[in-house]
N, C-alpha and C. Protein backbone atom coordinates (compact mmCIF):
# COMPACT_ATOMS: atom_id res chain seq x y z
N UNK A 1 160.74 109.06 198.50
CA UNK A 1 161.02 110.04 197.48
C UNK A 1 159.89 109.96 196.46
N UNK A 2 159.41 111.10 196.06
CA UNK A 2 158.25 111.09 195.18
C UNK A 2 158.62 111.10 193.70
N UNK A 3 159.39 112.05 193.28
CA UNK A 3 159.67 112.19 191.85
C UNK A 3 160.98 112.93 191.67
N UNK A 4 161.41 113.01 190.44
CA UNK A 4 162.63 113.76 190.12
C UNK A 4 162.29 115.24 190.00
N UNK A 5 163.27 116.07 190.28
CA UNK A 5 163.09 117.52 190.16
C UNK A 5 162.88 117.86 188.69
N UNK A 6 161.82 118.58 188.40
CA UNK A 6 161.59 118.98 187.00
C UNK A 6 162.64 119.98 186.54
N UNK A 7 163.03 119.92 185.29
CA UNK A 7 164.01 120.89 184.79
C UNK A 7 163.45 122.31 184.88
N UNK A 8 164.35 123.23 185.21
CA UNK A 8 163.96 124.63 185.27
C UNK A 8 163.38 125.07 186.60
N UNK A 9 163.11 124.13 187.52
CA UNK A 9 162.58 124.49 188.83
C UNK A 9 163.75 124.63 189.79
N UNK A 10 163.73 125.72 190.55
CA UNK A 10 164.77 125.96 191.53
C UNK A 10 164.80 124.79 192.53
N UNK A 11 165.99 124.26 192.82
CA UNK A 11 166.11 123.09 193.69
C UNK A 11 165.51 123.36 195.06
N UNK A 12 165.80 124.51 195.65
CA UNK A 12 165.29 124.81 196.99
C UNK A 12 163.77 124.85 197.00
N UNK A 13 163.18 125.45 195.99
CA UNK A 13 161.71 125.51 195.91
C UNK A 13 161.12 124.11 195.79
N UNK A 14 161.77 123.28 194.99
CA UNK A 14 161.27 121.92 194.78
C UNK A 14 161.34 121.11 196.07
N UNK A 15 162.46 121.22 196.79
CA UNK A 15 162.62 120.51 198.07
C UNK A 15 161.59 121.01 199.07
N UNK A 16 161.42 122.32 199.15
CA UNK A 16 160.42 122.87 200.07
C UNK A 16 159.03 122.34 199.76
N UNK A 17 158.69 122.24 198.49
CA UNK A 17 157.38 121.70 198.10
C UNK A 17 157.25 120.24 198.52
N UNK A 18 158.32 119.45 198.34
CA UNK A 18 158.27 118.04 198.75
C UNK A 18 158.02 117.93 200.25
N UNK A 19 158.67 118.77 201.02
CA UNK A 19 158.50 118.75 202.48
C UNK A 19 157.08 119.16 202.85
N UNK A 20 156.57 120.24 202.26
CA UNK A 20 155.20 120.69 202.55
C UNK A 20 154.19 119.59 202.21
N UNK A 21 154.38 118.93 201.05
CA UNK A 21 153.45 117.87 200.65
C UNK A 21 153.50 116.69 201.63
N UNK A 22 154.69 116.29 202.05
CA UNK A 22 154.82 115.19 203.00
C UNK A 22 154.20 115.56 204.34
N UNK A 23 154.38 116.81 204.75
CA UNK A 23 153.79 117.27 206.01
C UNK A 23 152.27 117.24 205.91
N UNK A 24 151.73 117.65 204.77
CA UNK A 24 150.28 117.64 204.57
C UNK A 24 149.73 116.22 204.60
N UNK A 25 150.51 115.26 204.13
CA UNK A 25 150.09 113.85 204.17
C UNK A 25 150.25 113.24 205.56
N UNK A 26 150.89 113.97 206.49
CA UNK A 26 151.07 113.47 207.86
C UNK A 26 152.25 112.54 208.03
N UNK A 27 153.20 112.60 207.12
CA UNK A 27 154.34 111.69 207.17
C UNK A 27 155.35 112.03 208.27
N UNK A 28 155.22 113.19 208.89
CA UNK A 28 156.15 113.58 209.95
C UNK A 28 155.53 113.46 211.35
N UNK A 29 154.31 112.93 211.44
CA UNK A 29 153.60 112.95 212.71
C UNK A 29 154.12 111.94 213.74
N UNK A 30 154.53 110.78 213.33
CA UNK A 30 154.96 109.76 214.29
C UNK A 30 156.40 109.31 214.05
N UNK A 31 157.28 110.26 213.92
CA UNK A 31 158.68 109.92 213.72
C UNK A 31 159.32 109.48 215.03
N UNK A 32 160.24 108.51 214.93
CA UNK A 32 160.96 108.05 216.12
C UNK A 32 161.75 109.23 216.69
N UNK A 33 161.63 109.44 217.97
CA UNK A 33 162.38 110.51 218.64
C UNK A 33 161.70 111.86 218.58
N UNK A 34 160.49 111.94 218.05
CA UNK A 34 159.79 113.22 217.95
C UNK A 34 159.60 113.81 219.34
N UNK A 35 159.91 115.09 219.47
CA UNK A 35 159.72 115.79 220.74
C UNK A 35 160.86 115.61 221.71
N UNK A 36 161.87 114.85 221.34
CA UNK A 36 163.03 114.65 222.23
C UNK A 36 164.23 115.36 221.62
N UNK A 37 165.17 115.80 222.48
CA UNK A 37 166.37 116.44 221.94
C UNK A 37 167.23 115.43 221.18
N UNK A 38 168.06 115.95 220.30
CA UNK A 38 168.98 115.08 219.57
C UNK A 38 169.98 114.47 220.54
N UNK A 39 170.43 113.24 220.27
CA UNK A 39 171.45 112.63 221.14
C UNK A 39 172.71 113.49 221.15
N UNK A 40 173.49 113.46 222.25
CA UNK A 40 174.68 114.32 222.37
C UNK A 40 175.66 114.17 221.21
N UNK A 41 175.86 112.95 220.69
CA UNK A 41 176.85 112.79 219.63
C UNK A 41 176.42 113.51 218.35
N UNK A 42 175.13 113.76 218.17
CA UNK A 42 174.66 114.47 216.98
C UNK A 42 174.91 115.96 217.14
N UNK A 43 174.84 116.45 218.36
CA UNK A 43 175.02 117.88 218.62
C UNK A 43 176.47 118.31 218.54
N UNK A 44 177.40 117.39 218.69
CA UNK A 44 178.82 117.75 218.69
C UNK A 44 179.29 118.00 217.26
N UNK A 45 180.58 118.22 217.10
CA UNK A 45 181.13 118.49 215.78
C UNK A 45 180.87 117.31 214.85
N UNK A 46 180.78 117.59 213.58
CA UNK A 46 180.44 116.56 212.60
C UNK A 46 181.55 115.52 212.49
N UNK A 47 181.14 114.27 212.48
CA UNK A 47 182.07 113.15 212.34
C UNK A 47 181.56 112.29 211.20
N UNK A 48 182.39 112.09 210.19
CA UNK A 48 181.97 111.32 209.02
C UNK A 48 181.61 109.89 209.35
N UNK A 49 182.15 109.36 210.44
CA UNK A 49 181.88 107.96 210.81
C UNK A 49 180.84 107.85 211.91
N UNK A 50 180.00 108.86 212.08
CA UNK A 50 179.01 108.85 213.14
C UNK A 50 178.12 107.61 213.06
N UNK A 51 177.74 107.22 211.87
CA UNK A 51 176.84 106.09 211.70
C UNK A 51 177.52 104.78 212.05
N UNK A 52 178.83 104.67 211.78
CA UNK A 52 179.57 103.46 212.14
C UNK A 52 179.65 103.35 213.66
N UNK A 53 179.98 104.46 214.30
CA UNK A 53 180.10 104.46 215.77
C UNK A 53 178.76 104.14 216.43
N UNK A 54 177.69 104.73 215.91
CA UNK A 54 176.36 104.47 216.48
C UNK A 54 175.98 103.00 216.32
N UNK A 55 176.27 102.42 215.16
CA UNK A 55 175.96 101.00 214.94
C UNK A 55 176.78 100.12 215.87
N UNK A 56 178.06 100.47 216.08
CA UNK A 56 178.90 99.68 216.97
C UNK A 56 178.37 99.73 218.39
N UNK A 57 177.90 100.89 218.84
CA UNK A 57 177.31 100.99 220.18
C UNK A 57 176.06 100.14 220.25
N UNK A 58 175.21 100.24 219.22
CA UNK A 58 173.97 99.46 219.19
C UNK A 58 174.25 97.96 219.20
N UNK A 59 175.31 97.53 218.51
CA UNK A 59 175.65 96.12 218.41
C UNK A 59 176.52 95.64 219.57
N UNK A 60 176.91 96.57 220.46
CA UNK A 60 177.75 96.20 221.60
C UNK A 60 179.18 95.87 221.18
N UNK A 61 179.66 96.52 220.13
CA UNK A 61 181.01 96.25 219.63
C UNK A 61 181.95 97.38 220.01
N UNK A 62 183.22 97.05 220.04
CA UNK A 62 184.23 98.09 220.20
C UNK A 62 185.47 97.66 219.44
N UNK A 63 186.23 98.63 219.03
CA UNK A 63 187.45 98.33 218.30
C UNK A 63 188.60 99.06 218.99
N UNK A 64 189.57 98.31 219.40
CA UNK A 64 190.75 98.87 220.01
C UNK A 64 191.94 98.59 219.10
N UNK A 65 192.97 99.43 219.18
CA UNK A 65 194.19 99.08 218.47
C UNK A 65 194.67 97.72 218.98
N UNK A 66 195.33 96.92 218.13
CA UNK A 66 195.73 95.57 218.52
C UNK A 66 196.53 95.51 219.83
N UNK A 67 197.40 96.49 220.07
CA UNK A 67 198.19 96.44 221.30
C UNK A 67 197.32 96.64 222.52
N UNK A 68 196.35 97.56 222.45
CA UNK A 68 195.47 97.77 223.60
C UNK A 68 194.56 96.56 223.82
N UNK A 69 194.10 95.95 222.73
CA UNK A 69 193.27 94.75 222.86
C UNK A 69 194.07 93.63 223.53
N UNK A 70 195.36 93.50 223.15
CA UNK A 70 196.19 92.45 223.75
C UNK A 70 196.50 92.75 225.22
N UNK A 71 196.68 94.02 225.55
CA UNK A 71 196.88 94.37 226.97
C UNK A 71 195.70 93.88 227.80
N UNK A 72 194.48 94.16 227.31
CA UNK A 72 193.27 93.74 228.03
C UNK A 72 193.20 92.22 228.07
N UNK A 73 193.49 91.57 226.96
CA UNK A 73 193.46 90.11 226.91
C UNK A 73 194.48 89.52 227.89
N UNK A 74 195.67 90.15 228.00
CA UNK A 74 196.71 89.67 228.91
C UNK A 74 196.26 89.80 230.36
N UNK A 75 195.64 90.93 230.69
CA UNK A 75 195.14 91.11 232.05
C UNK A 75 194.06 90.09 232.38
N UNK A 76 193.15 89.86 231.43
CA UNK A 76 192.09 88.87 231.62
C UNK A 76 192.67 87.46 231.75
N UNK A 77 193.71 87.16 230.95
CA UNK A 77 194.34 85.85 231.01
C UNK A 77 195.02 85.63 232.36
N UNK A 78 195.68 86.66 232.87
CA UNK A 78 196.33 86.54 234.17
C UNK A 78 195.30 86.27 235.26
N UNK A 79 194.20 87.00 235.23
CA UNK A 79 193.14 86.78 236.22
C UNK A 79 192.56 85.38 236.09
N UNK A 80 192.35 84.93 234.84
CA UNK A 80 191.83 83.58 234.61
C UNK A 80 192.81 82.54 235.12
N UNK A 81 194.10 82.77 234.92
CA UNK A 81 195.11 81.82 235.39
C UNK A 81 195.12 81.76 236.92
N UNK A 82 195.00 82.92 237.56
CA UNK A 82 195.04 82.94 239.03
C UNK A 82 193.80 82.29 239.66
N UNK A 83 192.74 82.13 238.89
CA UNK A 83 191.54 81.48 239.42
C UNK A 83 191.28 80.13 238.75
N UNK A 84 192.27 79.61 238.02
CA UNK A 84 192.11 78.35 237.29
C UNK A 84 191.95 77.17 238.26
N UNK A 85 191.31 76.10 237.80
CA UNK A 85 191.08 74.94 238.67
C UNK A 85 192.31 74.05 238.88
N UNK A 86 193.32 74.16 238.00
CA UNK A 86 194.49 73.29 238.17
C UNK A 86 195.74 73.99 237.65
N UNK A 87 196.88 73.50 238.10
CA UNK A 87 198.16 74.06 237.67
C UNK A 87 198.35 73.87 236.17
N UNK A 88 197.88 72.76 235.63
CA UNK A 88 198.00 72.50 234.20
C UNK A 88 197.27 73.58 233.40
N UNK A 89 196.09 73.98 233.87
CA UNK A 89 195.31 75.02 233.19
C UNK A 89 196.02 76.37 233.31
N UNK A 90 196.62 76.66 234.48
CA UNK A 90 197.39 77.89 234.68
C UNK A 90 198.49 77.97 233.64
N UNK A 91 199.26 76.90 233.53
CA UNK A 91 200.39 76.89 232.59
C UNK A 91 199.91 77.04 231.14
N UNK A 92 198.79 76.42 230.81
CA UNK A 92 198.25 76.51 229.45
C UNK A 92 197.83 77.95 229.14
N UNK A 93 197.10 78.58 230.04
CA UNK A 93 196.63 79.96 229.83
C UNK A 93 197.82 80.90 229.65
N UNK A 94 198.81 80.78 230.54
CA UNK A 94 199.97 81.68 230.48
C UNK A 94 200.80 81.41 229.23
N UNK A 95 200.97 80.15 228.84
CA UNK A 95 201.73 79.85 227.62
C UNK A 95 201.07 80.46 226.39
N UNK A 96 199.75 80.38 226.32
CA UNK A 96 199.03 80.93 225.17
C UNK A 96 199.15 82.45 225.10
N UNK A 97 198.97 83.13 226.23
CA UNK A 97 199.05 84.59 226.20
C UNK A 97 200.49 85.05 225.99
N UNK A 98 201.44 84.31 226.56
CA UNK A 98 202.85 84.67 226.35
C UNK A 98 203.23 84.57 224.87
N UNK A 99 202.70 83.58 224.17
CA UNK A 99 202.98 83.45 222.74
C UNK A 99 202.45 84.66 221.97
N UNK A 100 201.25 85.13 222.33
CA UNK A 100 200.69 86.30 221.67
C UNK A 100 201.50 87.56 221.99
N UNK A 101 201.91 87.70 223.26
CA UNK A 101 202.71 88.86 223.66
C UNK A 101 204.04 88.86 222.91
N UNK A 102 204.69 87.70 222.86
CA UNK A 102 205.98 87.60 222.16
C UNK A 102 205.84 87.95 220.68
N UNK A 103 204.79 87.43 220.05
CA UNK A 103 204.55 87.75 218.64
C UNK A 103 204.44 89.26 218.43
N UNK A 104 203.68 89.91 219.29
CA UNK A 104 203.47 91.34 219.12
C UNK A 104 204.73 92.13 219.45
N UNK A 105 205.56 91.62 220.36
CA UNK A 105 206.80 92.32 220.70
C UNK A 105 207.75 92.33 219.50
N UNK A 106 207.77 91.25 218.74
CA UNK A 106 208.71 91.14 217.63
C UNK A 106 208.13 91.58 216.30
N UNK A 107 206.83 91.70 216.21
CA UNK A 107 206.17 92.20 214.99
C UNK A 107 205.14 93.24 215.40
N UNK A 108 205.60 94.40 215.88
CA UNK A 108 204.64 95.37 216.41
C UNK A 108 203.71 95.93 215.34
N UNK A 109 202.41 95.96 215.62
CA UNK A 109 201.44 96.56 214.70
C UNK A 109 201.41 98.07 214.92
N UNK A 110 200.69 98.79 214.07
CA UNK A 110 200.57 100.22 214.31
C UNK A 110 199.78 100.49 215.59
N UNK A 111 199.98 101.64 216.16
CA UNK A 111 199.26 102.00 217.38
C UNK A 111 200.22 102.18 218.53
N UNK A 112 199.67 102.36 219.73
CA UNK A 112 200.52 102.58 220.89
C UNK A 112 201.34 101.34 221.22
N UNK A 113 202.47 101.51 221.90
CA UNK A 113 203.28 100.35 222.27
C UNK A 113 202.52 99.42 223.20
N UNK A 114 202.85 98.15 223.15
CA UNK A 114 202.15 97.15 223.96
C UNK A 114 202.37 97.39 225.45
N UNK A 115 203.60 97.65 225.85
CA UNK A 115 203.87 97.89 227.27
C UNK A 115 203.74 96.64 228.12
N UNK A 116 203.85 95.49 227.54
CA UNK A 116 203.78 94.21 228.26
C UNK A 116 204.94 93.35 227.83
N UNK A 117 205.37 92.49 228.74
CA UNK A 117 206.32 91.47 228.37
C UNK A 117 205.73 90.14 228.82
N UNK A 118 206.22 89.03 228.30
CA UNK A 118 205.63 87.74 228.69
C UNK A 118 205.68 87.55 230.21
N UNK A 119 204.66 86.90 230.72
CA UNK A 119 204.60 86.61 232.16
C UNK A 119 205.60 85.53 232.51
N UNK A 120 206.10 85.57 233.73
CA UNK A 120 206.95 84.52 234.28
C UNK A 120 206.01 83.41 234.75
N UNK A 121 206.01 82.28 234.03
CA UNK A 121 205.08 81.19 234.32
C UNK A 121 205.21 80.73 235.76
N UNK A 122 206.44 80.55 236.23
CA UNK A 122 206.64 80.06 237.61
C UNK A 122 206.10 81.05 238.63
N UNK A 123 206.25 82.35 238.35
CA UNK A 123 205.72 83.36 239.26
C UNK A 123 204.20 83.30 239.31
N UNK A 124 203.56 83.14 238.14
CA UNK A 124 202.10 83.05 238.10
C UNK A 124 201.63 81.78 238.81
N UNK A 125 202.33 80.66 238.59
CA UNK A 125 201.96 79.42 239.27
C UNK A 125 202.11 79.59 240.79
N UNK A 126 203.19 80.24 241.23
CA UNK A 126 203.37 80.50 242.66
C UNK A 126 202.22 81.34 243.21
N UNK A 127 201.84 82.39 242.50
CA UNK A 127 200.73 83.24 242.94
C UNK A 127 199.43 82.46 242.96
N UNK A 128 199.24 81.60 241.93
CA UNK A 128 198.04 80.76 241.88
C UNK A 128 197.98 79.85 243.09
N UNK A 129 199.12 79.22 243.44
CA UNK A 129 199.17 78.33 244.61
C UNK A 129 198.86 79.09 245.89
N UNK A 130 199.42 80.29 246.02
CA UNK A 130 199.16 81.10 247.22
C UNK A 130 197.68 81.46 247.32
N UNK A 131 197.10 81.86 246.23
CA UNK A 131 195.69 82.24 246.23
C UNK A 131 194.81 81.03 246.55
N UNK A 132 195.16 79.89 245.96
CA UNK A 132 194.40 78.67 246.19
C UNK A 132 194.51 78.22 247.64
N UNK A 133 195.74 78.32 248.18
CA UNK A 133 195.95 77.94 249.58
C UNK A 133 195.16 78.85 250.51
N UNK A 134 195.13 80.13 250.20
CA UNK A 134 194.39 81.07 251.05
C UNK A 134 192.90 80.80 251.01
N UNK A 135 192.37 80.42 249.84
CA UNK A 135 190.92 80.18 249.75
C UNK A 135 190.54 78.78 250.24
N UNK A 136 191.44 77.82 250.12
CA UNK A 136 191.14 76.44 250.54
C UNK A 136 191.58 76.16 251.97
N UNK A 137 192.49 76.99 252.48
CA UNK A 137 193.08 76.69 253.78
C UNK A 137 194.09 75.55 253.68
N UNK A 138 194.62 75.34 252.45
CA UNK A 138 195.59 74.28 252.24
C UNK A 138 196.96 74.89 252.07
N UNK A 139 197.95 74.01 251.81
CA UNK A 139 199.33 74.49 251.64
C UNK A 139 199.60 74.89 250.19
N UNK A 140 198.65 74.67 249.25
CA UNK A 140 198.82 75.09 247.87
C UNK A 140 199.56 74.11 247.01
N UNK A 141 199.97 72.96 247.52
CA UNK A 141 200.75 72.01 246.74
C UNK A 141 199.87 70.90 246.17
N UNK A 142 198.57 71.12 246.09
CA UNK A 142 197.62 70.10 245.67
C UNK A 142 197.73 69.71 244.22
N UNK A 143 196.66 69.83 243.51
CA UNK A 143 196.56 69.33 242.12
C UNK A 143 197.55 69.99 241.18
N UNK A 144 198.26 69.18 240.42
CA UNK A 144 199.16 69.70 239.40
C UNK A 144 198.73 69.24 238.03
N UNK A 145 197.63 68.60 237.87
CA UNK A 145 197.22 68.10 236.55
C UNK A 145 195.88 68.46 236.27
């Protein structure tokens, strides 16, 4: 920015002069993205949080409502439990996620419903044993600690 608008000068004329002067100085010659179309999100309807969303994409972040985040966490926990190295780890993973699911069931946050109930630990352990037996060629009754 060069200077303040002088009193009595039409704002549009003053802005146009600032742009012409900057162009004459070559300040627009090597702008990032010059010659390329605007990104699709800029062309769509105006969104007041466009800059927040763009920064989140750049930073690799995402924000989900708490219930959707917990759904994803529960699915990931179940998969982690089914591939865990021991039955003790399976039980620990399921106990931790079940506690979070129970908390959210009884104190629901805003957003869509969770749509999950706590996992049956014995059922998950049974599935873990079956998966382990299939991959090891064993009976699945091996390590419990």
